[in-house]
């Protein structure tokens, strides 16, 4: 299972880590942010096997 999360969303990242998701990469400039800028997305994965 894969998901993307904003690096600034610390609460979500901690939740996903507590559920054994692991960070496996980034998607540069994935999310719109303030002032017409963009924020990366952390890609996290969890094996269901």
Protein backbone atom coordinates (compact mmCIF):
# COMPACT_ATOMS: atom_id res chain seq x y z
CA UNK A 1 0.00 0.00 0.00
CA UNK A 2 1.35 3.44 -0.91
CA UNK A 3 0.38 6.92 0.21
CA UNK A 4 1.60 10.48 -0.14
CA UNK A 5 1.74 12.98 2.70
CA UNK A 6 3.01 16.53 3.07
CA UNK A 7 6.30 16.68 4.99
CA UNK A 8 4.76 19.48 7.07
CA UNK A 9 1.95 17.16 8.27
CA UNK A 10 3.84 15.82 11.28
CA UNK A 11 0.78 14.31 12.98
CA UNK A 12 -0.08 12.22 9.91
CA UNK A 13 3.52 11.10 9.44
CA UNK A 14 3.72 9.94 13.06
CA UNK A 15 0.40 8.08 12.67
CA UNK A 16 1.58 6.32 9.51
CA UNK A 17 4.91 5.40 11.13
CA UNK A 18 3.06 3.98 14.14
CA UNK A 19 1.18 1.76 11.66
CA UNK A 20 4.55 0.57 10.22
CA UNK A 21 4.54 2.65 7.04
CA UNK A 22 8.07 3.46 5.85
CA UNK A 23 9.23 6.45 3.82
CA UNK A 24 10.49 5.28 0.42
CA UNK A 25 10.80 8.50 -1.58
CA UNK A 26 9.57 11.97 -2.46
CA UNK A 27 7.51 13.56 -5.19
CA UNK A 28 9.03 17.01 -5.71
CA UNK A 29 6.61 19.96 -5.83
CA UNK A 30 3.56 17.64 -5.58
CA UNK A 31 1.18 19.76 -3.46
CA UNK A 32 0.18 23.40 -3.97
CA UNK A 33 1.33 25.60 -1.10
CA UNK A 34 1.02 29.22 -0.04
CA UNK A 35 2.34 32.07 -2.16
CA UNK A 36 2.11 30.09 -5.42
CA UNK A 37 4.84 27.71 -4.26
CA UNK A 38 4.77 23.92 -4.15
CA UNK A 39 5.47 21.37 -1.39
CA UNK A 40 7.01 17.94 -1.87
CA UNK A 41 5.11 14.78 -0.99
CA UNK A 42 6.64 12.01 1.08
CA UNK A 43 5.87 8.60 -0.38
CA UNK A 44 5.24 6.00 2.30
CA UNK A 45 4.56 2.31 1.88
CA UNK A 46 3.30 -0.62 3.91
CA UNK A 47 3.59 -4.25 2.84
CA UNK A 48 0.32 -6.16 3.24
CA UNK A 49 1.90 -9.56 2.60
